[in-house]
Protein backbone atom coordinates (compact mmCIF):
# COMPACT_ATOMS: atom_id res chain seq x y z
CA MET A 1 0.00 0.00 0.00
CA ASN A 2 1.23 3.47 -0.86
CA THR A 3 2.32 5.19 2.36
CA ASP A 4 0.57 8.36 1.17
CA GLU A 5 -2.71 6.49 1.64
CA LEU A 6 -1.89 6.14 5.33
CA GLY A 7 -0.83 9.73 5.88
CA LEU A 8 -2.52 12.78 7.29
CA GLY A 9 -3.97 14.11 4.03
CA ALA A 10 -5.53 10.83 2.90
CA THR A 11 -6.93 10.20 6.36
CA ILE A 12 -8.55 13.63 6.50
CA ARG A 13 -10.12 13.01 3.08
CA ALA A 14 -11.50 9.65 4.22
CA TRP A 15 -13.01 11.18 7.36
CA ARG A 16 -14.44 14.09 5.37
CA ASP A 17 -16.10 11.78 2.85
CA ARG A 18 -17.90 9.73 5.48
CA ILE A 19 -19.77 12.66 7.11
CA ASP A 20 -23.39 13.28 6.24
CA PRO A 21 -23.58 17.06 5.59
CA ALA A 22 -26.96 17.22 7.33
CA SER A 23 -25.39 15.98 10.59
CA VAL A 24 -23.37 19.20 10.82
CA GLY A 25 -26.10 21.51 9.60
CA ARG A 26 -25.03 21.60 5.95
CA PRO A 27 -27.32 21.07 2.94
CA PRO A 28 -26.90 17.78 1.06
CA ALA A 29 -24.15 17.76 -1.54
CA ARG A 30 -25.62 18.12 -5.01
CA GLY A 31 -23.94 17.42 -8.30
CA ARG A 32 -21.03 15.66 -6.59
CA ARG A 33 -19.86 12.13 -7.20
CA ALA A 34 -18.28 11.87 -3.75
CA PRO A 35 -20.35 11.85 -0.55
CA GLY A 36 -19.62 13.77 2.57
CA LEU A 37 -18.43 17.27 3.31
CA ARG A 38 -16.92 19.59 0.76
CA ARG A 39 -13.52 21.07 1.52
CA GLU A 40 -15.29 24.42 1.89
CA ASP A 41 -17.55 22.93 4.57
CA LEU A 42 -14.63 21.46 6.49
CA ALA A 43 -12.73 24.73 6.30
CA GLU A 44 -15.67 26.72 7.66
CA LEU A 45 -16.39 24.23 10.44
CA ALA A 46 -12.73 24.11 11.49
CA GLY A 47 -12.18 27.86 11.23
CA VAL A 48 -9.37 27.66 8.67
CA SER A 49 -9.03 28.64 5.03
CA VAL A 50 -10.02 26.35 2.16
CA ASP A 51 -6.49 26.69 0.77
CA TYR A 52 -5.11 25.30 4.01
CA VAL A 53 -7.42 22.27 3.85
CA VAL A 54 -6.27 21.67 0.26
CA ARG A 55 -2.61 21.86 1.32
CA LEU A 56 -3.21 19.40 4.15
CA GLU A 57 -5.00 16.90 1.93
CA GLN A 58 -2.37 17.19 -0.80
CA GLY A 59 0.44 16.66 1.68
CA ARG A 60 1.94 20.12 1.17
CA SER A 61 1.27 20.90 4.83
CA ARG A 62 1.91 18.10 7.31
CA THR A 63 2.33 19.79 10.70
CA PRO A 64 -0.83 21.61 11.80
CA SER A 65 -0.74 23.24 15.21
CA ALA A 66 -2.46 21.64 18.18
CA GLN A 67 -5.26 24.23 17.89
CA VAL A 68 -5.85 23.39 14.22
CA ALA A 69 -5.68 19.63 14.91
CA ALA A 70 -8.30 20.04 17.63
CA ALA A 71 -10.49 22.09 15.29
CA LEU A 72 -10.22 19.47 12.54
CA ALA A 73 -11.12 16.71 15.00
CA ARG A 74 -14.26 18.58 16.01
CA ALA A 75 -15.26 19.40 12.45
CA LEU A 76 -14.73 15.79 11.34
CA GLN A 77 -16.72 14.44 14.33
CA LEU A 78 -13.89 12.15 15.41
CA THR A 79 -14.05 9.85 18.37
CA ARG A 80 -11.36 10.31 21.01
CA THR A 81 -9.38 7.40 19.55
CA GLU A 82 -9.57 8.92 16.08
CA ARG A 83 -8.66 12.34 17.47
CA ASP A 84 -5.55 10.87 19.07
CA HIS A 85 -4.65 9.21 15.73
CA LEU A 86 -4.99 12.58 13.99
CA TYR A 87 -2.64 14.16 16.53
CA ARG A 88 -0.04 11.45 16.02
CA LEU A 89 -0.22 11.75 12.22
CA ALA A 90 0.43 15.48 12.69
CA GLY A 91 3.46 14.78 14.88
CA LEU A 92 1.68 15.97 18.02
CA ARG A 93 1.18 14.40 21.42
CA PRO A 94 -2.52 13.63 21.99
CA PRO A 95 -4.13 15.50 24.91
CA SER A 96 -3.88 13.62 28.19
CA ASP A 97 -6.87 12.74 30.35
CA GLY A 98 -5.86 15.50 32.78
CA SER A 99 -5.91 18.18 30.11
CA ILE A 100 -8.78 20.52 29.31
CA SER A 101 -10.79 19.01 26.49
CA GLU A 102 -11.46 20.99 23.33
CA HIS A 103 -13.03 17.97 21.66
CA VAL A 104 -16.75 18.29 20.99
CA PRO A 105 -18.18 14.74 20.99
CA PRO A 106 -20.24 13.75 17.92
CA GLY A 107 -23.43 13.45 19.99
CA LEU A 108 -23.06 17.00 21.26
CA GLN A 109 -22.36 18.19 17.72
CA ARG A 110 -25.63 16.65 16.57
CA ILE A 111 -27.48 18.49 19.32
CA LEU A 112 -25.82 21.75 18.28
CA ALA A 113 -26.76 21.17 14.65
CA ARG A 114 -30.40 20.92 15.71
CA LEU A 115 -30.41 24.35 17.34
CA GLY A 116 -31.41 25.73 13.96
CA ASP A 117 -31.17 29.51 13.71
CA THR A 118 -30.04 30.07 17.30
CA PRO A 119 -26.61 31.76 17.55
CA ALA A 120 -24.49 29.29 19.52
CA ALA A 121 -20.86 28.60 20.36
CA VAL A 122 -18.86 26.17 22.47
CA PHE A 123 -16.05 27.16 24.84
CA ALA A 124 -13.60 24.86 26.63
CA ALA A 125 -13.12 24.96 30.40
CA ASP A 126 -10.48 27.70 29.97
CA TRP A 127 -12.93 29.77 27.88
CA HIS A 128 -11.18 29.04 24.62
CA LEU A 129 -13.64 29.27 21.71
CA VAL A 130 -13.69 25.87 20.01
CA TRP A 131 -16.87 25.84 17.88
CA TRP A 132 -19.51 28.25 16.58
CA ASN A 133 -22.32 28.17 14.06
CA HIS A 134 -23.09 30.45 11.13
CA ASP A 135 -25.61 32.50 13.08
CA TRP A 136 -23.09 33.20 15.85
CA ALA A 137 -20.67 34.54 13.24
CA ALA A 138 -23.41 36.60 11.60
CA LEU A 139 -24.39 38.11 14.97
CA LEU A 140 -20.93 38.82 16.38
CA GLY A 141 -18.62 38.80 13.37
CA ASP A 142 -16.67 35.80 12.09
CA PRO A 143 -14.19 34.51 14.73
CA ARG A 144 -11.86 33.45 11.92
CA ALA A 145 -10.77 37.10 11.79
CA VAL A 146 -8.98 36.40 15.11
CA PRO A 147 -5.91 34.08 15.25
CA PRO A 148 -6.84 30.65 16.71
CA GLY A 149 -4.67 31.05 19.79
CA GLU A 150 -6.38 34.33 20.69
CA ARG A 151 -9.96 33.05 20.49
CA ASN A 152 -10.29 33.06 24.25
CA LEU A 153 -12.86 34.93 26.32
CA VAL A 154 -10.43 35.51 29.20
CA ARG A 155 -7.92 37.10 26.84
CA SER A 156 -10.76 39.08 25.30
CA ARG A 157 -12.14 40.45 28.58
CA PHE A 158 -8.76 40.84 30.30
CA PRO A 159 -6.27 41.69 27.53
CA VAL A 160 -2.53 41.60 28.10
CA GLY A 161 0.08 43.24 25.90
CA THR A 162 -0.70 42.69 22.24
CA ASP A 163 -3.96 40.79 22.82
CA SER A 164 -6.63 41.96 20.43
CA GLY A 165 -9.00 42.46 23.36
CA ARG A 166 -11.93 40.80 21.61
CA ILE A 167 -13.14 37.59 20.03
CA ALA A 168 -16.14 39.34 18.45
CA THR A 169 -15.86 41.73 15.53
CA TRP A 170 -18.78 43.88 16.64
CA PRO A 171 -18.84 45.61 20.06
CA VAL A 172 -20.65 43.70 22.81
CA THR A 173 -21.59 45.19 26.18
CA SER A 174 -23.04 43.40 29.21
CA VAL A 175 -25.88 44.89 31.24
CA ASP A 176 -23.66 44.31 34.30
CA PRO A 177 -20.04 44.13 33.08
CA ASP A 178 -18.62 43.82 36.59
CA ALA A 179 -20.80 40.82 37.44
CA SER A 180 -19.98 39.20 34.09
CA ASP A 181 -16.23 39.64 34.62
CA ARG A 182 -16.45 38.27 38.15
CA ALA A 183 -18.35 35.24 36.89
CA ILE A 184 -15.68 34.48 34.28
CA VAL A 185 -12.87 34.72 36.83
CA ALA A 186 -14.77 32.59 39.37
CA ASP A 187 -15.42 29.94 36.72
CA LEU A 188 -11.75 29.97 35.67
CA ARG A 189 -10.71 29.44 39.31
CA ARG A 190 -13.00 26.41 39.42
CA ALA A 191 -11.30 25.06 36.29
CA SER A 192 -7.88 25.53 37.90
CA ALA A 193 -8.82 23.00 40.59
CA ARG A 194 -10.36 20.53 38.14
CA TYR A 195 -7.33 20.66 35.82
CA PRO A 196 -4.31 21.32 38.06
CA ASP A 197 -1.90 19.71 35.57
CA ASP A 198 -3.10 21.56 32.45
CA GLN A 199 -0.11 23.68 31.46
CA GLY A 200 -2.07 25.83 29.01
CA LEU A 201 -4.53 26.84 31.73
CA ALA A 202 -1.70 27.53 34.18
CA ARG A 203 0.05 29.76 31.61
CA LEU A 204 -3.18 31.64 30.89
CA ILE A 205 -3.78 32.35 34.57
CA ARG A 206 -0.17 33.37 35.30
CA ARG A 207 0.00 35.58 32.22
CA THR A 208 -3.25 37.35 33.03
CA LEU A 209 -2.44 37.74 36.72
CA VAL A 210 0.81 39.49 35.86
CA GLY A 211 -0.43 41.52 32.91
CA ASN A 212 -3.96 42.62 33.84
CA ALA A 213 -4.53 44.44 37.13
CA ARG A 214 -8.31 44.04 37.03
CA PHE A 215 -8.06 40.27 36.61
CA ALA A 216 -5.57 40.13 39.50
CA ARG A 217 -7.99 42.04 41.77
CA LEU A 218 -10.91 39.76 40.91
CA TRP A 219 -8.77 36.65 41.27
CA ALA A 220 -7.72 37.79 44.74
CA ASP A 221 -11.37 37.59 45.86
CA GLY A 222 -11.09 33.79 45.78
CA THR A 223 -14.64 33.29 44.49
CA VAL A 224 -15.40 29.89 42.93
CA ASP A 225 -18.54 29.55 40.84
CA GLY A 226 -19.94 28.77 37.41
CA HIS A 227 -21.06 31.17 34.70
CA ALA A 228 -24.74 30.65 33.90
CA GLU A 229 -26.37 33.66 32.24
CA ASP A 230 -26.03 37.30 31.27
CA ARG A 231 -27.82 39.94 29.22
CA LYS A 232 -25.93 41.74 26.52
CA THR A 233 -26.32 44.39 23.84
CA ILE A 234 -24.65 43.71 20.52
CA HIS A 235 -23.89 46.71 18.32
CA HIS A 236 -24.35 45.19 14.89
CA PRO A 237 -23.29 47.39 11.94
CA ALA A 238 -26.17 46.27 9.72
CA VAL A 239 -29.17 46.34 12.09
CA GLY A 240 -28.05 48.45 15.06
CA GLU A 241 -28.32 47.49 18.73
CA ILE A 242 -29.72 44.05 19.62
CA ALA A 243 -30.48 43.12 23.23
CA VAL A 244 -30.09 39.38 23.81
CA ASP A 245 -30.15 36.89 26.66
CA CYS A 246 -26.91 34.94 26.97
CA ASP A 247 -27.30 31.51 28.55
CA VAL A 248 -24.43 29.14 29.37
CA LEU A 249 -25.04 25.38 29.53
CA THR A 250 -22.15 23.25 30.83
CA ASP A 251 -21.55 19.63 29.85
CA THR A 252 -20.49 18.00 33.11
CA ALA A 253 -18.48 15.23 31.42
CA THR A 254 -16.18 17.55 29.44
CA ASP A 255 -16.70 20.98 31.07
CA LEU A 256 -17.50 22.34 27.62
CA LYS A 257 -19.72 25.42 27.81
CA ILE A 258 -22.51 25.86 25.26
CA VAL A 259 -23.31 29.57 24.94
CA VAL A 260 -26.54 30.60 23.19
CA TYR A 261 -28.02 34.01 22.39
CA THR A 262 -31.78 34.46 22.18
CA ALA A 263 -34.37 37.24 22.23
CA PRO A 264 -37.96 37.02 23.53
CA ALA A 265 -40.51 36.01 20.90
CA GLY A 266 -42.39 38.83 19.20
CA THR A 267 -39.91 41.55 20.19
CA GLU A 268 -38.03 44.00 18.02
CA ASP A 269 -34.81 42.28 19.07
CA GLU A 270 -36.05 38.96 17.70
CA THR A 271 -36.84 40.70 14.41
CA LYS A 272 -33.31 42.12 14.34
CA LEU A 273 -31.85 38.65 14.91
CA ASP A 274 -33.80 37.46 11.87
CA LEU A 275 -32.38 40.37 9.85
CA VAL A 276 -28.86 39.48 10.96
CA ARG A 277 -29.27 36.02 9.43
CA VAL A 278 -30.15 37.68 6.14
CA ALA A 279 -27.17 40.04 6.42
CA GLY A 280 -24.86 37.05 6.92
CA VAL A 281 -21.27 36.89 8.09
CA GLY A 282 -19.46 40.18 7.79
CA ALA A 283 -15.79 39.79 8.70
CA PRO A 284 -12.75 39.08 6.48
CA LEU A 285 -11.35 35.54 6.61
CA PRO A 286 -7.61 35.05 7.26
CA HIS A 287 -5.40 32.33 5.82
CA ALA A 288 -4.43 29.56 8.25
């Protein structure tokens, strides 16, 4: 057997071809001889450029970063065993059981796909953004405009040095910013006890403690809690201000946080959310 058939590119193609587009919220492929996801679909789901997917599958890129490998595993709906195989093919060490998981299990992905037109995203226990749907990007701006390593809510709310200070393209304000910030810090402290050996989490906390005085003050309070809900106003360039309820649902097995934005039925804000879907995604896409 040709060794290329065992490599990273061929394996990604095989996984891509086995996925039913409907299972990830994509319309059925028409006019195609091959089943499964298009490269464009995989690129959008993983938050990378189509050109980068092409280079991976053609073997011109063989060493994706850990963030990109995790994103590909989610987009391809891999099991944990398959995810670990992907990491090894990429020359990476698979995440250990004591590490924060960025892997969205296939069952959870199917639930997310059934949310329909609800803007939704998934964050890991360290508040790293790992998945989002089209409506989230249309409401807040496409996260692909932010480098993968900076798609983190802690870095967004408590920037240090050259941090962009945001993971959303459009401005977002909380009704009670102080309470929202305290909730994020309290939740991060909880994660620090659940994942004491996760080096990425430890680096994030140390970096932010040293570089952001507000984070350091809130951390000194010692509060431990989860982050459940908030109310926000999104300043969308196409439809103006939209007031939304932000609810956070936590998967107890993985500590993944499902964040959804909704507006009460029959309100002007609900109408604006519908208009946002028509306006579509409005941020430039970078190359991976």
